[in-house]
PDB file of N, CA and C in Angstrom:
ATOM      1  N   MET A   1      99.406 -56.272  21.866  1.00  0.00           N
ATOM      2  CA  MET A   1      98.131 -55.642  21.642  1.00  0.00           C
ATOM      3  C   MET A   1      98.311 -54.173  21.280  1.00  0.00           C
ATOM      4  N   LEU A   2      99.349 -53.549  21.783  1.00  0.00           N
ATOM      5  CA  LEU A   2      99.618 -52.154  21.437  1.00  0.00           C
ATOM      6  C   LEU A   2      99.941 -52.026  19.950  1.00  0.00           C
ATOM      7  N   GLY A   3     100.609 -53.038  19.408  1.00  0.00           N
ATOM      8  CA  GLY A   3     100.894 -53.042  17.970  1.00  0.00           C
ATOM      9  C   GLY A   3      99.622 -53.136  17.143  1.00  0.00           C
ATOM     10  N   SER A   4      98.641 -53.876  17.622  1.00  0.00           N
ATOM     11  CA  SER A   4      97.360 -53.999  16.921  1.00  0.00           C
ATOM     12  C   SER A   4      96.622 -52.668  16.914  1.00  0.00           C
ATOM     13  N   VAL A   5      96.668 -51.954  18.029  1.00  0.00           N
ATOM     14  CA  VAL A   5      96.028 -50.633  18.093  1.00  0.00           C
ATOM     15  C   VAL A   5      96.717 -49.669  17.132  1.00  0.00           C
ATOM     16  N   ALA A   6      98.049 -49.662  17.151  1.00  0.00           N
ATOM     17  CA  ALA A   6      98.787 -48.775  16.256  1.00  0.00           C
ATOM     18  C   ALA A   6      98.502 -49.115  14.795  1.00  0.00           C
ATOM     19  N   LEU A   7      98.431 -50.392  14.478  1.00  0.00           N
ATOM     20  CA  LEU A   7      98.130 -50.814  13.114  1.00  0.00           C
ATOM     21  C   LEU A   7      96.732 -50.370  12.701  1.00  0.00           C
ATOM     22  N   GLY A   8      95.771 -50.488  13.593  1.00  0.00           N
ATOM     23  CA  GLY A   8      94.414 -50.044  13.302  1.00  0.00           C
ATOM     24  C   GLY A   8      94.341 -48.549  13.050  1.00  0.00           C
ATOM     25  N   LEU A   9      95.074 -47.771  13.831  1.00  0.00           N
ATOM     26  CA  LEU A   9      95.077 -46.319  13.640  1.00  0.00           C
ATOM     27  C   LEU A   9      95.711 -45.938  12.300  1.00  0.00           C
ATOM     28  N   VAL A  10      96.826 -46.572  11.972  1.00  0.00           N
ATOM     29  CA  VAL A  10      97.508 -46.263  10.707  1.00  0.00           C
ATOM     30  C   VAL A  10      96.655 -46.675   9.510  1.00  0.00           C
ATOM     31  N   VAL A  11      96.069 -47.857   9.556  1.00  0.00           N
ATOM     32  CA  VAL A  11      95.227 -48.320   8.448  1.00  0.00           C
ATOM     33  C   VAL A  11      93.998 -47.423   8.312  1.00  0.00           C
ATOM     34  N   GLY A  12      93.457 -46.948   9.420  1.00  0.00           N
ATOM     35  CA  GLY A  12      92.326 -46.036   9.366  1.00  0.00           C
ATOM     36  C   GLY A  12      92.664 -44.723   8.690  1.00  0.00           C
ATOM     37  N   VAL A  13      93.823 -44.172   9.002  1.00  0.00           N
ATOM     38  CA  VAL A  13      94.253 -42.918   8.383  1.00  0.00           C
ATOM     39  C   VAL A  13      94.526 -43.108   6.894  1.00  0.00           C
ATOM     40  N   VAL A  14      95.292 -44.131   6.562  1.00  0.00           N
ATOM     41  CA  VAL A  14      95.662 -44.368   5.165  1.00  0.00           C
ATOM     42  C   VAL A  14      94.436 -44.721   4.328  1.00  0.00           C
ATOM     43  N   GLY A  15      93.592 -45.589   4.847  1.00  0.00           N
ATOM     44  CA  GLY A  15      92.405 -45.994   4.110  1.00  0.00           C
ATOM     45  C   GLY A  15      91.439 -44.845   3.878  1.00  0.00           C
ATOM     46  N   THR A  16      91.282 -43.979   4.883  1.00  0.00           N
ATOM     47  CA  THR A  16      90.396 -42.831   4.721  1.00  0.00           C
ATOM     48  C   THR A  16      90.937 -41.872   3.670  1.00  0.00           C
ATOM     49  N   GLY A  17      92.230 -41.753   3.602  1.00  0.00           N
ATOM     50  CA  GLY A  17      92.817 -40.878   2.589  1.00  0.00           C
ATOM     51  C   GLY A  17      92.802 -41.462   1.193  1.00  0.00           C
ATOM     52  N   VAL A  18      92.831 -42.775   1.082  1.00  0.00           N
ATOM     53  CA  VAL A  18      92.982 -43.430  -0.217  1.00  0.00           C
ATOM     54  C   VAL A  18      91.660 -43.899  -0.824  1.00  0.00           C
ATOM     55  N   HIS A  19      90.641 -44.115  -0.020  1.00  0.00           N
ATOM     56  CA  HIS A  19      89.445 -44.801  -0.522  1.00  0.00           C
ATOM     57  C   HIS A  19      88.737 -44.073  -1.653  1.00  0.00           C
ATOM     58  N   ARG A  20      89.004 -42.785  -1.841  1.00  0.00           N
ATOM     59  CA  ARG A  20      88.376 -42.054  -2.938  1.00  0.00           C
ATOM     60  C   ARG A  20      89.351 -41.744  -4.074  1.00  0.00           C
ATOM     61  N   ALA A  21      90.515 -42.331  -4.078  1.00  0.00           N
ATOM     62  CA  ALA A  21      91.563 -41.988  -5.043  1.00  0.00           C
ATOM     63  C   ALA A  21      91.099 -42.151  -6.490  1.00  0.00           C
ATOM     64  N   ASN A  22      90.852 -43.313  -6.935  1.00  0.00           N
ATOM     65  CA  ASN A  22      90.277 -43.610  -8.249  1.00  0.00           C
ATOM     66  C   ASN A  22      89.027 -44.394  -7.955  1.00  0.00           C
ATOM     67  N   ASP A  23      87.900 -43.889  -8.394  1.00  0.00           N
ATOM     68  CA  ASP A  23      86.607 -44.326  -7.876  1.00  0.00           C
ATOM     69  C   ASP A  23      86.546 -45.753  -7.353  1.00  0.00           C
ATOM     70  N   PRO A  24      86.588 -46.792  -8.130  1.00  0.00           N
ATOM     71  CA  PRO A  24      86.474 -48.082  -7.441  1.00  0.00           C
ATOM     72  C   PRO A  24      87.807 -48.580  -6.895  1.00  0.00           C
ATOM     73  N   TRP A  25      88.921 -48.213  -7.509  1.00  0.00           N
ATOM     74  CA  TRP A  25      90.203 -48.833  -7.158  1.00  0.00           C
ATOM     75  C   TRP A  25      90.767 -48.332  -5.837  1.00  0.00           C
ATOM     76  N   GLY A  26      90.495 -47.120  -5.479  1.00  0.00           N
ATOM     77  CA  GLY A  26      90.942 -46.628  -4.180  1.00  0.00           C
ATOM     78  C   GLY A  26      90.275 -47.380  -3.050  1.00  0.00           C
ATOM     79  N   LEU A  27      88.981 -47.645  -3.208  1.00  0.00           N
ATOM     80  CA  LEU A  27      88.239 -48.399  -2.198  1.00  0.00           C
ATOM     81  C   LEU A  27      88.721 -49.847  -2.143  1.00  0.00           C
ATOM     82  N   VAL A  28      88.997 -50.422  -3.295  1.00  0.00           N
ATOM     83  CA  VAL A  28      89.513 -51.795  -3.335  1.00  0.00           C
ATOM     84  C   VAL A  28      90.870 -51.869  -2.636  1.00  0.00           C
ATOM     85  N   LEU A  29      91.729 -50.894  -2.885  1.00  0.00           N
ATOM     86  CA  LEU A  29      93.037 -50.857  -2.230  1.00  0.00           C
ATOM     87  C   LEU A  29      92.890 -50.667  -0.727  1.00  0.00           C
ATOM     88  N   ALA A  30      91.992 -49.796  -0.312  1.00  0.00           N
ATOM     89  CA  ALA A  30      91.772 -49.567   1.121  1.00  0.00           C
ATOM     90  C   ALA A  30      91.208 -50.817   1.791  1.00  0.00           C
ATOM     91  N   TYR A  31      90.266 -51.487   1.147  1.00  0.00           N
ATOM     92  CA  TYR A  31      89.719 -52.732   1.688  1.00  0.00           C
ATOM     93  C   TYR A  31      90.801 -53.810   1.773  1.00  0.00           C
ATOM     94  N   GLY A  32      91.646 -53.890   0.745  1.00  0.00           N
ATOM     95  CA  GLY A  32      92.742 -54.861   0.771  1.00  0.00           C
ATOM     96  C   GLY A  32      93.700 -54.598   1.919  1.00  0.00           C
ATOM     97  N   THR A  33      93.956 -53.332   2.202  1.00  0.00           N
ATOM     98  CA  THR A  33      94.826 -52.968   3.315  1.00  0.00           C
ATOM     99  C   THR A  33      94.191 -53.371   4.643  1.00  0.00           C
ATOM    100  N   VAL A  34      92.885 -53.144   4.780  1.00  0.00           N
ATOM    101  CA  VAL A  34      92.178 -53.535   6.003  1.00  0.00           C
ATOM    102  C   VAL A  34      92.262 -55.049   6.200  1.00  0.00           C
ATOM    103  N   LEU A  35      92.043 -55.808   5.139  1.00  0.00           N
ATOM    104  CA  LEU A  35      92.082 -57.270   5.248  1.00  0.00           C
ATOM    105  C   LEU A  35      93.497 -57.780   5.517  1.00  0.00           C
ATOM    106  N   ALA A  36      94.497 -57.200   4.848  1.00  0.00           N
ATOM    107  CA  ALA A  36      95.882 -57.635   5.076  1.00  0.00           C
ATOM    108  C   ALA A  36      96.320 -57.350   6.507  1.00  0.00           C
ATOM    109  N   ALA A  37      95.952 -56.191   7.020  1.00  0.00           N
ATOM    110  CA  ALA A  37      96.297 -55.867   8.407  1.00  0.00           C
ATOM    111  C   ALA A  37      95.529 -56.763   9.384  1.00  0.00           C
ATOM    112  N   ALA A  38      94.313 -57.144   9.030  1.00  0.00           N
ATOM    113  CA  ALA A  38      93.549 -58.051   9.886  1.00  0.00           C
ATOM    114  C   ALA A  38      94.209 -59.433   9.940  1.00  0.00           C
ATOM    115  N   VAL A  39      94.702 -59.904   8.809  1.00  0.00           N
ATOM    116  CA  VAL A  39      95.417 -61.184   8.786  1.00  0.00           C
ATOM    117  C   VAL A  39      96.688 -61.091   9.629  1.00  0.00           C
ATOM    118  N   LEU A  40      97.405 -59.994   9.512  1.00  0.00           N
ATOM    119  CA  LEU A  40      98.611 -59.805  10.318  1.00  0.00           C
ATOM    120  C   LEU A  40      98.272 -59.776  11.802  1.00  0.00           C
ATOM    121  N   THR A  41      97.204 -59.077  12.150  1.00  0.00           N
ATOM    122  CA  THR A  41      96.792 -59.017  13.547  1.00  0.00           C
ATOM    123  C   THR A  41      96.368 -60.383  14.059  1.00  0.00           C
ATOM    124  N   ARG A  42      95.683 -61.140  13.234  1.00  0.00           N
ATOM    125  CA  ARG A  42      95.259 -62.492  13.629  1.00  0.00           C
ATOM    126  C   ARG A  42      96.471 -63.398  13.839  1.00  0.00           C
ATOM    127  N   ALA A  43      97.502 -63.214  13.032  1.00  0.00           N
ATOM    128  CA  ALA A  43      98.712 -64.015  13.202  1.00  0.00           C
ATOM    129  C   ALA A  43      99.484 -63.590  14.451  1.00  0.00           C
ATOM    130  N   TRP A  44      99.424 -62.309  14.814  1.00  0.00           N
ATOM    131  CA  TRP A  44     100.109 -61.815  16.007  1.00  0.00           C
ATOM    132  C   TRP A  44      99.490 -62.337  17.283  1.00  0.00           C
ATOM    133  N   GLY A  45      98.172 -62.288  17.349  1.00  0.00           N
ATOM    134  CA  GLY A  45      97.514 -62.614  18.614  1.00  0.00           C
ATOM    135  C   GLY A  45      96.172 -63.262  18.386  1.00  0.00           C
ATOM    136  N   ARG A  46      95.417 -63.319  19.423  1.00  0.00           N
ATOM    137  CA  ARG A  46      94.117 -63.973  19.368  1.00  0.00           C
ATOM    138  C   ARG A  46      93.009 -62.923  19.327  1.00  0.00           C
ATOM    139  N   ALA A  47      91.933 -63.188  20.023  1.00  0.00           N
ATOM    140  CA  ALA A  47      90.727 -62.366  19.945  1.00  0.00           C
ATOM    141  C   ALA A  47      90.954 -60.949  20.465  1.00  0.00           C
ATOM    142  N   ARG A  48      91.732 -60.800  21.532  1.00  0.00           N
ATOM    143  CA  ARG A  48      91.956 -59.453  22.076  1.00  0.00           C
ATOM    144  C   ARG A  48      92.666 -58.562  21.075  1.00  0.00           C
ATOM    145  N   ALA A  49      93.620 -59.102  20.351  1.00  0.00           N
ATOM    146  CA  ALA A  49      94.332 -58.312  19.343  1.00  0.00           C
ATOM    147  C   ALA A  49      93.403 -57.926  18.200  1.00  0.00           C
ATOM    148  N   MET A  50      92.520 -58.834  17.792  1.00  0.00           N
ATOM    149  CA  MET A  50      91.561 -58.529  16.723  1.00  0.00           C
ATOM    150  C   MET A  50      90.574 -57.452  17.162  1.00  0.00           C
ATOM    151  N   VAL A  51      90.106 -57.538  18.398  1.00  0.00           N
ATOM    152  CA  VAL A  51      89.179 -56.530  18.913  1.00  0.00           C
ATOM    153  C   VAL A  51      89.877 -55.176  19.004  1.00  0.00           C
ATOM    154  N   ALA A  52      91.106 -55.155  19.485  1.00  0.00           N
ATOM    155  CA  ALA A  52      91.856 -53.899  19.589  1.00  0.00           C
ATOM    156  C   ALA A  52      92.074 -53.279  18.211  1.00  0.00           C
ATOM    157  N   TYR A  53      92.437 -54.089  17.234  1.00  0.00           N
ATOM    158  CA  TYR A  53      92.632 -53.587  15.870  1.00  0.00           C
ATOM    159  C   TYR A  53      91.333 -53.026  15.302  1.00  0.00           C
ATOM    160  N   THR A  54      90.243 -53.755  15.469  1.00  0.00           N
ATOM    161  CA  THR A  54      88.961 -53.327  14.916  1.00  0.00           C
ATOM    162  C   THR A  54      88.475 -52.041  15.562  1.00  0.00           C
ATOM    163  N   LEU A  55      88.594 -51.941  16.875  1.00  0.00           N
ATOM    164  CA  LEU A  55      88.150 -50.725  17.564  1.00  0.00           C
ATOM    165  C   LEU A  55      89.005 -49.523  17.187  1.00  0.00           C
ATOM    166  N   ALA A  56      90.303 -49.720  17.072  1.00  0.00           N
ATOM    167  CA  ALA A  56      91.177 -48.608  16.671  1.00  0.00           C
ATOM    168  C   ALA A  56      90.884 -48.170  15.243  1.00  0.00           C
ATOM    169  N   LEU A  57      90.653 -49.127  14.349  1.00  0.00           N
ATOM    170  CA  LEU A  57      90.312 -48.807  12.966  1.00  0.00           C
ATOM    171  C   LEU A  57      89.000 -48.037  12.902  1.00  0.00           C
ATOM    172  N   ALA A  58      87.980 -48.529  13.593  1.00  0.00           N
ATOM    173  CA  ALA A  58      86.675 -47.860  13.582  1.00  0.00           C
ATOM    174  C   ALA A  58      86.766 -46.475  14.207  1.00  0.00           C
ATOM    175  N   ALA A  59      87.506 -46.343  15.296  1.00  0.00           N
ATOM    176  CA  ALA A  59      87.646 -45.039  15.954  1.00  0.00           C
ATOM    177  C   ALA A  59      88.326 -44.032  15.041  1.00  0.00           C
ATOM    178  N   MET A  60      89.365 -44.452  14.327  1.00  0.00           N
ATOM    179  CA  MET A  60      90.073 -43.529  13.454  1.00  0.00           C
ATOM    180  C   MET A  60      89.223 -43.129  12.256  1.00  0.00           C
ATOM    181  N   VAL A  61      88.511 -44.077  11.659  1.00  0.00           N
ATOM    182  CA  VAL A  61      87.656 -43.765  10.515  1.00  0.00           C
ATOM    183  C   VAL A  61      86.564 -42.785  10.936  1.00  0.00           C
ATOM    184  N   LEU A  62      85.938 -43.056  12.065  1.00  0.00           N
ATOM    185  CA  LEU A  62      84.873 -42.164  12.528  1.00  0.00           C
ATOM    186  C   LEU A  62      85.418 -40.806  12.953  1.00  0.00           C
ATOM    187  N   ALA A  63      86.576 -40.790  13.601  1.00  0.00           N
ATOM    188  CA  ALA A  63      87.162 -39.517  14.019  1.00  0.00           C
ATOM    189  C   ALA A  63      87.535 -38.652  12.818  1.00  0.00           C
ATOM    190  N   MET A  64      88.110 -39.258  11.797  1.00  0.00           N
ATOM    191  CA  MET A  64      88.495 -38.473  10.619  1.00  0.00           C
ATOM    192  C   MET A  64      87.279 -38.011   9.826  1.00  0.00           C
ATOM    193  N   GLY A  65      86.201 -38.747   9.893  1.00  0.00           N
ATOM    194  CA  GLY A  65      85.023 -38.390   9.122  1.00  0.00           C
ATOM    195  C   GLY A  65      84.057 -37.463   9.815  1.00  0.00           C
ATOM    196  N   PHE A  66      84.005 -37.524  11.142  1.00  0.00           N
ATOM    197  CA  PHE A  66      82.942 -36.802  11.810  1.00  0.00           C
ATOM    198  C   PHE A  66      83.382 -35.887  12.938  1.00  0.00           C
ATOM    199  N   VAL A  67      84.538 -36.098  13.536  1.00  0.00           N
ATOM    200  CA  VAL A  67      84.946 -35.298  14.685  1.00  0.00           C
ATOM    201  C   VAL A  67      85.638 -34.012  14.262  1.00  0.00           C
ATOM    202  N   ARG A  68      86.566 -34.121  13.364  1.00  0.00           N
ATOM    203  CA  ARG A  68      87.326 -32.930  12.981  1.00  0.00           C
ATOM    204  C   ARG A  68      86.583 -32.112  11.940  1.00  0.00           C
ATOM    205  N   PRO A  69      86.805 -30.810  11.911  1.00  0.00           N
ATOM    206  CA  PRO A  69      86.151 -29.983  10.893  1.00  0.00           C
ATOM    207  C   PRO A  69      86.653 -30.355   9.495  1.00  0.00           C
ATOM    208  N   GLY A  70      85.771 -30.359   8.541  1.00  0.00           N
ATOM    209  CA  GLY A  70      86.138 -30.704   7.175  1.00  0.00           C
ATOM    210  C   GLY A  70      86.147 -32.189   6.922  1.00  0.00           C
ATOM    211  N   GLY A  71      85.669 -32.985   7.854  1.00  0.00           N
ATOM    212  CA  GLY A  71      85.648 -34.435   7.682  1.00  0.00           C
ATOM    213  C   GLY A  71      84.708 -34.873   6.576  1.00  0.00           C
ATOM    214  N   ASP A  72      83.725 -34.029   6.277  1.00  0.00           N
ATOM    215  CA  ASP A  72      82.798 -34.384   5.199  1.00  0.00           C
ATOM    216  C   ASP A  72      83.467 -34.341   3.835  1.00  0.00           C
ATOM    217  N   VAL A  73      84.656 -33.799   3.762  1.00  0.00           N
ATOM    218  CA  VAL A  73      85.420 -33.830   2.515  1.00  0.00           C
ATOM    219  C   VAL A  73      86.091 -35.194   2.358  1.00  0.00           C
ATOM    220  N   LEU A  74      86.508 -35.798   3.472  1.00  0.00           N
ATOM    221  CA  LEU A  74      87.181 -37.095   3.427  1.00  0.00           C
ATOM    222  C   LEU A  74      86.198 -38.239   3.211  1.00  0.00           C
ATOM    223  N   ILE A  75      85.108 -38.222   3.953  1.00  0.00           N
ATOM    224  CA  ILE A  75      84.088 -39.261   3.820  1.00  0.00           C
ATOM    225  C   ILE A  75      82.800 -38.558   3.409  1.00  0.00           C
ATOM    226  N   THR A  76      82.495 -38.640   2.137  1.00  0.00           N
ATOM    227  CA  THR A  76      81.377 -37.880   1.588  1.00  0.00           C
ATOM    228  C   THR A  76      80.055 -38.628   1.740  1.00  0.00           C
ATOM    229  N   ASP A  77      78.997 -37.915   1.446  1.00  0.00           N
ATOM    230  CA  ASP A  77      77.646 -38.470   1.536  1.00  0.00           C
ATOM    231  C   ASP A  77      77.293 -39.154   0.220  1.00  0.00           C
ATOM    232  N   GLU A  78      78.114 -40.133  -0.151  1.00  0.00           N
ATOM    233  CA  GLU A  78      77.925 -40.908  -1.375  1.00  0.00           C
ATOM    234  C   GLU A  78      78.106 -42.381  -1.038  1.00  0.00           C
ATOM    235  N   GLY A  79      77.854 -43.217  -2.006  1.00  0.00           N
ATOM    236  CA  GLY A  79      77.978 -44.652  -1.796  1.00  0.00           C
ATOM    237  C   GLY A  79      79.373 -45.081  -1.391  1.00  0.00           C
ATOM    238  N   ILE A  80      80.384 -44.464  -1.987  1.00  0.00           N
ATOM    239  CA  ILE A  80      81.757 -44.857  -1.678  1.00  0.00           C
ATOM    240  C   ILE A  80      82.131 -44.477  -0.241  1.00  0.00           C
ATOM    241  N   GLY A  81      81.576 -43.379   0.248  1.00  0.00           N
ATOM    242  CA  GLY A  81      81.807 -42.990   1.632  1.00  0.00           C
ATOM    243  C   GLY A  81      81.143 -43.953   2.600  1.00  0.00           C
ATOM    244  N   TYR A  82      79.909 -44.344   2.272  1.00  0.00           N
ATOM    245  CA  TYR A  82      79.216 -45.323   3.115  1.00  0.00           C
ATOM    246  C   TYR A  82      79.911 -46.678   3.067  1.00  0.00           C
ATOM    247  N   ALA A  83      80.437 -47.031   1.921  1.00  0.00           N
ATOM    248  CA  ALA A  83      81.160 -48.303   1.804  1.00  0.00           C
ATOM    249  C   ALA A  83      82.416 -48.274   2.675  1.00  0.00           C
ATOM    250  N   TRP A  84      83.086 -47.126   2.744  1.00  0.00           N
ATOM    251  CA  TRP A  84      84.282 -47.048   3.577  1.00  0.00           C
ATOM    252  C   TRP A  84      83.924 -47.090   5.061  1.00  0.00           C
ATOM    253  N   LEU A  85      82.785 -46.554   5.435  1.00  0.00           N
ATOM    254  CA  LEU A  85      82.370 -46.622   6.834  1.00  0.00           C
ATOM    255  C   LEU A  85      82.125 -48.058   7.281  1.00  0.00           C
ATOM    256  N   ALA A  86      81.857 -48.939   6.346  1.00  0.00           N
ATOM    257  CA  ALA A  86      81.648 -50.349   6.670  1.00  0.00           C
ATOM    258  C   ALA A  86      82.950 -51.142   6.712  1.00  0.00           C
ATOM    259  N   ALA A  87      84.087 -50.501   6.487  1.00  0.00           N
ATOM    260  CA  ALA A  87      85.377 -51.201   6.432  1.00  0.00           C
ATOM    261  C   ALA A  87      85.704 -51.992   7.692  1.00  0.00           C
ATOM    262  N   PRO A  88      85.454 -51.487   8.905  1.00  0.00           N
ATOM    263  CA  PRO A  88      85.778 -52.301  10.084  1.00  0.00           C
ATOM    264  C   PRO A  88      85.018 -53.627  10.136  1.00  0.00           C
ATOM    265  N   ALA A  89      83.890 -53.704   9.468  1.00  0.00           N
ATOM    266  CA  ALA A  89      83.142 -54.963   9.444  1.00  0.00           C
ATOM    267  C   ALA A  89      83.862 -56.036   8.623  1.00  0.00           C
ATOM    268  N   LEU A  90      84.777 -55.627   7.740  1.00  0.00           N
ATOM    269  CA  LEU A  90      85.543 -56.596   6.947  1.00  0.00           C
ATOM    270  C   LEU A  90      86.425 -57.483   7.816  1.00  0.00           C
ATOM    271  N   VAL A  91      86.760 -56.995   8.996  1.00  0.00           N
ATOM    272  CA  VAL A  91      87.611 -57.772   9.893  1.00  0.00           C
ATOM    273  C   VAL A  91      86.920 -59.069  10.278  1.00  0.00           C
ATOM    274  N   LEU A  92      85.605 -59.092  10.257  1.00  0.00           N
ATOM    275  CA  LEU A  92      84.865 -60.320  10.570  1.00  0.00           C
ATOM    276  C   LEU A  92      85.199 -61.444   9.599  1.00  0.00           C
ATOM    277  N   VAL A  93      85.547 -61.096   8.364  1.00  0.00           N
ATOM    278  CA  VAL A  93      85.918 -62.114   7.377  1.00  0.00           C
ATOM    279  C   VAL A  93      87.133 -62.897   7.869  1.00  0.00           C
ATOM    280  N   VAL A  94      88.101 -62.193   8.432  1.00  0.00           N
ATOM    281  CA  VAL A  94      89.314 -62.844   8.930  1.00  0.00           C
ATOM    282  C   VAL A  94      89.058 -63.482  10.294  1.00  0.00           C
ATOM    283  N   ALA A  95      88.202 -62.880  11.099  1.00  0.00           N
ATOM    284  CA  ALA A  95      87.958 -63.381  12.453  1.00  0.00           C
ATOM    285  C   ALA A  95      87.288 -64.749  12.460  1.00  0.00           C
ATOM    286  N   VAL A  96      86.529 -65.075  11.429  1.00  0.00           N
ATOM    287  CA  VAL A  96      85.834 -66.364  11.418  1.00  0.00           C
ATOM    288  C   VAL A  96      86.663 -67.480  10.784  1.00  0.00           C
ATOM    289  N   LEU A  97      87.832 -67.167  10.269  1.00  0.00           N
ATOM    290  CA  LEU A  97      88.687 -68.203   9.696  1.00  0.00           C
ATOM    291  C   LEU A  97      89.245 -69.095  10.797  1.00  0.00           C
ATOM    292  N   PRO A  98      89.529 -70.347  10.502  1.00  0.00           N
ATOM    293  CA  PRO A  98      90.044 -71.255  11.532  1.00  0.00           C
ATOM    294  C   PRO A  98      91.391 -70.784  12.087  1.00  0.00           C
ATOM    295  N   ALA A  99      91.558 -70.928  13.383  1.00  0.00           N
ATOM    296  CA  ALA A  99      92.787 -70.483  14.052  1.00  0.00           C
ATOM    297  C   ALA A  99      94.005 -71.258  13.567  1.00  0.00           C
ATOM    298  N   ARG A 100      93.824 -72.501  13.141  1.00  0.00           N
ATOM    299  CA  ARG A 100      94.979 -73.311  12.715  1.00  0.00           C
ATOM    300  C   ARG A 100      95.640 -72.750  11.463  1.00  0.00           C
ATOM    301  N   TRP A 101      94.919 -71.927  10.688  1.00  0.00           N
ATOM    302  CA  TRP A 101      95.523 -71.306   9.503  1.00  0.00           C
ATOM    303  C   TRP A 101      96.581 -70.287   9.892  1.00  0.00           C
ATOM    304  N   PHE A 102      96.539 -69.789  11.109  1.00  0.00           N
ATOM    305  CA  PHE A 102      97.446 -68.741  11.546  1.00  0.00           C
ATOM    306  C   PHE A 102      98.446 -69.239  12.577  1.00  0.00           C
ATOM    307  N   SER A 103      98.486 -70.538  12.820  1.00  0.00           N
ATOM    308  CA  SER A 103      99.323 -71.108  13.858  1.00  0.00           C
ATOM    309  C   SER A 103     100.641 -71.610  13.274  1.00  0.00           C
ATOM    310  N   ASP A 104     101.682 -71.533  14.093  1.00  0.00           N
ATOM    311  CA  ASP A 104     102.978 -72.091  13.703  1.00  0.00           C
ATOM    312  C   ASP A 104     103.103 -73.549  14.113  1.00  0.00           C
ATOM    313  N   GLN A 105     102.158 -74.035  14.881  1.00  0.00           N
ATOM    314  CA  GLN A 105     102.196 -75.405  15.369  1.00  0.00           C
ATOM    315  C   GLN A 105     101.776 -76.365  14.262  1.00  0.00           C
ATOM    316  N   PRO A 106     102.464 -77.503  14.136  1.00  0.00           N
ATOM    317  CA  PRO A 106     102.030 -78.496  13.150  1.00  0.00           C
ATOM    318  C   PRO A 106     100.718 -79.137  13.599  1.00  0.00           C
ATOM    319  N   ARG A 107      99.939 -79.553  12.642  1.00  0.00           N
ATOM    320  CA  ARG A 107      98.669 -80.207  12.966  1.00  0.00           C
ATOM    321  C   ARG A 107      98.919 -81.594  13.535  1.00  0.00           C
ATOM    322  N   VAL A 108      98.106 -81.969  14.494  1.00  0.00           N
ATOM    323  CA  VAL A 108      98.220 -83.282  15.130  1.00  0.00           C
ATOM    324  C   VAL A 108      97.797 -84.337  14.120  1.00  0.00           C
ATOM    325  N   GLY A 109      98.559 -85.422  14.067  1.00  0.00           N
ATOM    326  CA  GLY A 109      98.229 -86.513  13.171  1.00  0.00           C
ATOM    327  C   GLY A 109      98.820 -86.359  11.783  1.00  0.00           C
ATOM    328  N   ARG A 110      99.505 -85.283  11.540  1.00  0.00           N
ATOM    329  CA  ARG A 110     100.115 -85.062  10.235  1.00  0.00           C
ATOM    330  C   ARG A 110     101.573 -85.472  10.296  1.00  0.00           C
ATOM    331  N   ARG A 111     102.003 -86.256   9.348  1.00  0.00           N
ATOM    332  CA  ARG A 111     103.367 -86.749   9.340  1.00  0.00           C
ATOM    333  C   ARG A 111     104.296 -85.707   8.728  1.00  0.00           C
ATOM    334  N   ASP A 112     105.443 -85.497   9.369  1.00  0.00           N
ATOM    335  CA  ASP A 112     106.458 -84.572   8.850  1.00  0.00           C
ATOM    336  C   ASP A 112     107.256 -85.305   7.795  1.00  0.00           C
ATOM    337  N   PRO A 113     107.341 -84.785   6.559  1.00  0.00           N
ATOM    338  CA  PRO A 113     108.044 -85.494   5.479  1.00  0.00           C
ATOM    339  C   PRO A 113     109.539 -85.608   5.702  1.00  0.00           C
ATOM    340  N   GLU A 114     110.116 -84.767   6.573  1.00  0.00           N
ATOM    341  CA  GLU A 114     111.554 -84.800   6.810  1.00  0.00           C
ATOM    342  C   GLU A 114     111.945 -85.832   7.866  1.00  0.00           C
ATOM    343  N   GLN A 115     110.990 -86.348   8.610  1.00  0.00           N
ATOM    344  CA  GLN A 115     111.292 -87.334   9.642  1.00  0.00           C
ATOM    345  C   GLN A 115     111.218 -88.736   9.050  1.00  0.00           C
ATOM    346  N   PRO A 116     112.167 -89.588   9.409  1.00  0.00           N
ATOM    347  CA  PRO A 116     112.109 -90.973   8.917  1.00  0.00           C
ATOM    348  C   PRO A 116     110.944 -91.726   9.551  1.00  0.00           C
ATOM    349  N   SER A 117     110.376 -92.662   8.794  1.00  0.00           N
ATOM    350  CA  SER A 117     109.233 -93.405   9.322  1.00  0.00           C
ATOM    351  C   SER A 117     109.639 -94.525  10.212  1.00  0.00           C
TER     352      SER A 117
END
């Protein structure tokens, strides 16, 4: 779970710095990073890891945008800034996917092609 928190903090910092790089493409890259890290977190653990990642991501985005002086330069009062503030909600896309997609266990009732019949 500590790895999920660290991943959320790093993705929050990188995404906040990148989301305005090239108008739409920086945001697309930042969103892709959020989703890729969410998939990694889902593969690492269950619900607690996802919650830890999401809270760390949201805390870092909000801290960089509103707590420190000059945060209004990083997250501006424009559509792209508001879109980046919604980034932690993207984790819900991965959270609702079936758990079996992230499991190493074979599905019950499925025949292994390497085993003789």
